[in-house]
C-alpha atoms as a PDB file:
ATOM      1  CA  CYS A   1      38.032  -5.081 -19.848  1.00  0.00           C
ATOM      2  CA  LYS A   2      41.070  -3.460 -21.387  1.00  0.00           C
ATOM      3  CA  TYR A   3      42.192   0.082 -20.684  1.00  0.00           C
ATOM      4  CA  LEU A   4      45.153   1.309 -22.718  1.00  0.00           C
ATOM      5  CA  GLY A   5      46.141  -2.290 -23.428  1.00  0.00           C
ATOM      6  CA  GLN A   6      46.075  -3.338 -19.752  1.00  0.00           C
ATOM      7  CA  GLU A   7      43.391  -5.453 -18.107  1.00  0.00           C
ATOM      8  CA  ILE A   8      41.423  -3.474 -15.516  1.00  0.00           C
ATOM      9  CA  THR A   9      38.495  -4.318 -13.302  1.00  0.00           C
ATOM     10  CA  PHE A  10      35.743  -2.004 -12.138  1.00  0.00           C
ATOM     11  CA  LEU A  11      32.120  -2.474 -11.156  1.00  0.00           C
ATOM     12  CA  VAL A  12      29.939  -1.809 -14.159  1.00  0.00           C
ATOM     13  CA  SER A  13      27.191  -0.669 -11.778  1.00  0.00           C
ATOM     14  CA  ASP A  14      29.446   2.288 -10.828  1.00  0.00           C
ATOM     15  CA  VAL A  15      29.465   3.578 -14.415  1.00  0.00           C
ATOM     16  CA  ASP A  16      27.138   6.563 -14.955  1.00  0.00           C
ATOM     17  CA  HIS A  17      27.161   6.099 -18.696  1.00  0.00           C
ATOM     18  CA  PHE A  18      29.241   4.969 -21.638  1.00  0.00           C
ATOM     19  CA  GLU A  19      30.021   7.260 -24.554  1.00  0.00           C
ATOM     20  CA  ALA A  20      31.381   6.461 -28.027  1.00  0.00           C
ATOM     21  CA  ASP A  21      34.777   7.835 -28.979  1.00  0.00           C
ATOM     22  CA  GLY A  22      35.488   6.551 -32.487  1.00  0.00           C
ATOM     23  CA  ASP A  23      36.566   2.903 -32.242  1.00  0.00           C
ATOM     24  CA  TYR A  24      36.728   3.210 -28.448  1.00  0.00           C
ATOM     25  CA  THR A  25      34.241   3.679 -25.621  1.00  0.00           C
ATOM     26  CA  LYS A  26      34.585   5.964 -22.626  1.00  0.00           C
ATOM     27  CA  ALA A  27      33.241   4.729 -19.280  1.00  0.00           C
ATOM     28  CA  PHE A  28      32.325   7.601 -16.947  1.00  0.00           C
ATOM     29  CA  ILE A  29      32.537   6.747 -13.244  1.00  0.00           C
ATOM     30  CA  SER A  30      31.363   9.767 -11.274  1.00  0.00           C
ATOM     31  CA  ASP A  31      31.846   8.667  -7.669  1.00  0.00           C
ATOM     32  CA  ILE A  32      35.602   8.730  -8.136  1.00  0.00           C
ATOM     33  CA  LYS A  33      35.581  11.107 -11.130  1.00  0.00           C
ATOM     34  CA  LEU A  34      37.296   8.727 -13.514  1.00  0.00           C
ATOM     35  CA  VAL A  35      36.949   8.234 -17.233  1.00  0.00           C
ATOM     36  CA  TYR A  36      38.289   5.007 -18.722  1.00  0.00           C
ATOM     37  CA  THR A  37      38.804   4.660 -22.463  1.00  0.00           C
ATOM     38  CA  LEU A  38      37.962   1.059 -23.329  1.00  0.00           C
ATOM     39  CA  ASP A  39      39.394  -0.833 -26.301  1.00  0.00           C
ATOM     40  CA  THR A  40      35.900  -1.658 -27.644  1.00  0.00           C
ATOM     41  CA  THR A  41      33.323   0.130 -29.781  1.00  0.00           C
ATOM     42  CA  ILE A  42      30.063   1.327 -28.264  1.00  0.00           C
ATOM     43  CA  GLY A  43      28.237  -1.572 -29.984  1.00  0.00           C
ATOM     44  CA  GLU A  44      30.634  -4.172 -28.577  1.00  0.00           C
ATOM     45  CA  THR A  45      30.325  -2.584 -25.150  1.00  0.00           C
ATOM     46  CA  SER A  46      26.526  -2.639 -25.359  1.00  0.00           C
ATOM     47  CA  ARG A  47      26.465  -6.330 -26.317  1.00  0.00           C
ATOM     48  CA  GLY A  48      28.841  -7.167 -23.467  1.00  0.00           C
ATOM     49  CA  LEU A  49      26.754  -5.587 -20.702  1.00  0.00           C
ATOM     50  CA  ALA A  50      24.952  -8.163 -18.617  1.00  0.00           C
ATOM     51  CA  GLY A  51      21.406  -7.926 -17.412  1.00  0.00           C
ATOM     52  CA  ASN A  52      18.831  -5.243 -17.650  1.00  0.00           C
ATOM     53  CA  HIS A  53      20.337  -2.099 -16.179  1.00  0.00           C
ATOM     54  CA  PHE A  54      21.749  -0.520 -19.327  1.00  0.00           C
ATOM     55  CA  ASP A  55      20.218   0.829 -22.516  1.00  0.00           C
ATOM     56  CA  GLN A  56      21.797   2.133 -25.697  1.00  0.00           C
ATOM     57  CA  CYS A  57      19.433   5.061 -26.076  1.00  0.00           C
ATOM     58  CA  HIS A  58      21.563   6.801 -28.706  1.00  0.00           C
ATOM     59  CA  LYS A  59      24.082   5.590 -31.253  1.00  0.00           C
ATOM     60  CA  SER A  60      26.813   7.225 -29.188  1.00  0.00           C
ATOM     61  CA  SER A  61      25.759   6.515 -25.596  1.00  0.00           C
ATOM     62  CA  ILE A  62      24.585   3.839 -23.184  1.00  0.00           C
ATOM     63  CA  ALA A  63      22.605   4.812 -20.084  1.00  0.00           C
ATOM     64  CA  ASN A  64      22.808   3.099 -16.701  1.00  0.00           C
ATOM     65  CA  PHE A  65      19.283   3.180 -15.219  1.00  0.00           C
ATOM     66  CA  HIS A  66      20.706   3.018 -11.673  1.00  0.00           C
ATOM     67  CA  ARG A  67      22.652   6.208 -12.301  1.00  0.00           C
ATOM     68  CA  THR A  68      20.016   8.174 -14.252  1.00  0.00           C
ATOM     69  CA  LEU A  69      18.742  11.094 -12.221  1.00  0.00           C
ATOM     70  CA  ARG A  70      15.935  12.155 -14.546  1.00  0.00           C
ATOM     71  CA  VAL A  71      14.691  12.039 -18.140  1.00  0.00           C
ATOM     72  CA  ASP A  72      13.710  15.294 -19.851  1.00  0.00           C
ATOM     73  CA  LYS A  73      10.992  14.596 -22.410  1.00  0.00           C
ATOM     74  CA  GLY A  74      11.177  17.789 -24.491  1.00  0.00           C
ATOM     75  CA  ILE A  75      11.595  18.189 -28.248  1.00  0.00           C
ATOM     76  CA  LYS A  76      15.260  17.179 -27.881  1.00  0.00           C
ATOM     77  CA  PRO A  77      14.961  14.493 -25.215  1.00  0.00           C
ATOM     78  CA  ASN A  78      17.860  13.801 -22.895  1.00  0.00           C
ATOM     79  CA  TYR A  79      18.661  12.160 -19.603  1.00  0.00           C
ATOM     80  CA  VAL A  80      20.710  13.508 -16.735  1.00  0.00           C
ATOM     81  CA  THR A  81      23.161  11.298 -14.853  1.00  0.00           C
ATOM     82  CA  PHE A  82      24.059  11.562 -11.167  1.00  0.00           C
ATOM     83  CA  ASN A  83      27.150  13.590 -12.092  1.00  0.00           C
ATOM     84  CA  ASN A  84      24.867  16.114 -13.874  1.00  0.00           C
ATOM     85  CA  CYS A  85      26.035  15.078 -17.313  1.00  0.00           C
ATOM     86  CA  ILE A  86      23.309  15.699 -19.916  1.00  0.00           C
ATOM     87  CA  MET A  87      23.119  12.926 -22.518  1.00  0.00           C
ATOM     88  CA  ASN A  88      21.027  12.842 -25.691  1.00  0.00           C
ATOM     89  CA  ILE A  89      18.346  10.280 -26.416  1.00  0.00           C
ATOM     90  CA  SER A  90      17.772   9.371 -30.050  1.00  0.00           C
ATOM     91  CA  ARG A  91      14.407  10.636 -31.287  1.00  0.00           C
ATOM     92  CA  HIS A  92      13.790   7.109 -32.597  1.00  0.00           C
ATOM     93  CA  GLU A  93      14.413   5.659 -29.122  1.00  0.00           C
ATOM     94  CA  LYS A  94      12.656   8.406 -27.123  1.00  0.00           C
ATOM     95  CA  ALA A  95       9.306   6.696 -26.405  1.00  0.00           C
ATOM     96  CA  ARG A  96      10.875   3.298 -25.747  1.00  0.00           C
ATOM     97  CA  PHE A  97      13.561   4.715 -23.451  1.00  0.00           C
ATOM     98  CA  ILE A  98      11.060   6.762 -21.439  1.00  0.00           C
ATOM     99  CA  ASN A  99       8.807   3.684 -21.052  1.00  0.00           C
ATOM    100  CA  VAL A 100      11.710   1.484 -19.942  1.00  0.00           C
ATOM    101  CA  CYS A 101      12.856   4.141 -17.433  1.00  0.00           C
ATOM    102  CA  SER A 102       9.316   4.365 -16.032  1.00  0.00           C
ATOM    103  CA  LEU A 103       9.081   0.579 -15.732  1.00  0.00           C
ATOM    104  CA  TYR A 104      12.502   0.464 -14.119  1.00  0.00           C
ATOM    105  CA  ARG A 105      11.435   2.922 -11.442  1.00  0.00           C
ATOM    106  CA  GLN A 106       8.040   1.232 -10.860  1.00  0.00           C
ATOM    107  CA  LEU A 107       9.541  -2.245 -10.559  1.00  0.00           C
ATOM    108  CA  LYS A 108      12.574  -1.011  -8.602  1.00  0.00           C
ATOM    109  CA  GLY A 109      15.135  -2.156 -11.118  1.00  0.00           C
ATOM    110  CA  VAL A 110      13.550  -5.333 -12.475  1.00  0.00           C
ATOM    111  CA  VAL A 111      13.162  -4.632 -16.188  1.00  0.00           C
ATOM    112  CA  ARG A 112      13.934  -7.135 -18.914  1.00  0.00           C
ATOM    113  CA  ARG A 113      15.875  -5.922 -21.923  1.00  0.00           C
ATOM    114  CA  LYS A 114      14.958  -7.380 -25.315  1.00  0.00           C
END
């Protein structure tokens, strides 16, 4: 992907979550405490993610199931990443996201994304 106009490479599996920032997307990598600003929108980023380990659970964020510590199911649902970042879940996506997270944990990471 591109970071500030330069091609960079990182393991997508190391990303805790992605967050919208206008016409850009921020990739949060907690193990090395880095934040990359990507030259793509959150929608473009979501479409470009391979496989079944990511979910756009809010219009402004994409969760990585591998890096989700827990899901809080309250009135304002959210999920907590390994770096203790609290991210919102859209109320429209709440039930679906919670079900997919449960399936992910039960099947140890083998969940198909529609």
